[in-house]
Amino acid sequence: MIRLGIWQLDRLEQRRNFNQRVLEQINQPSLDLSLQALIVGDVTVQALSSMEYRKITVTGIYDFNYEVALRNQVWHDQYGVHLLTPLKIQGSEYVIFVDRGWIPGDEFDNGLKNGSWPIYQETGTVFVEGILRNQQIKPDFGRISDPTPMPGGEKLLAWNLVNLEQIQKQMPYPILPVYIQQAPNDVWSRLPYRSEPDLELTEGSHLGYAIQWFTFAGILFFGYPVFIQREERRPVKQDMQPS
């Protein structure tokens, strides 16, 4: 029980560190992801992974030949997917994936049959505003990992995780190790529906659970010996057998 209480305190410390890191990035000014910012500014490609949840803008052209979908996404209790599209950054050699938003499950199925989702394509030069996100290499509890794409094999269109290391194996050019979750705005009101990260920046119930486990341990540690002493002092009743 004491160990469970310590574990909850460890979880509380992790939660506080996460909240602090996220708030630091949220309060940073928006980052313009351009060649200048990546090379000569205060940002490097390697540093991008430490900037998750920072606001970001970028201009470029989508490459829909390598668009994929992220499975098991819900919008107002409706099943669907998010479209992930590589964006060739204007004036740069870099490419970054953009989570362009949610589409319904039936449209997703049609895209799997056809090999793409052409009705949702945004052609030409686009300006993207969003939040920087890290890839997910390991699945959460209960989720399934994706198969590894084979070189020269069939392209995997539907993914369970935004695992950019795996997605890179079916790309003809290098991609950045982070992606952008495109933010909603008043101008865009059609599919794909944009969304923001669902963040709960609270300490949760970890402290309460820790106190609970320590309380149980104290009750057991001090109360059980008293219980044993009382049981030992209690007179033994002899069973009365009829003669």
Foldseek 3Di string as FASTA:
>chain_A
DLVLLVVLVVLLVVLQVVLVLLVVQCPDPEAEPAPCCQPVNPHHLVCLASNFFHKYKFKFFWDQLLKAWAAADDDPNFGWTWIWIWGCTPPDNAIAIERQATDGHVLVVVCVVVVGNVVPDDGDMDMFIFTKFAWDDDDDPPFDADDADDQVDDQHRYGNTRQVVRSQSHDPGDHRRIHGQTADDPVDDDPRDGDHDDDDSDSPCSNVVSVVVVVVVVCCVPVVVVVVVVVVPDDDDDDDDDD
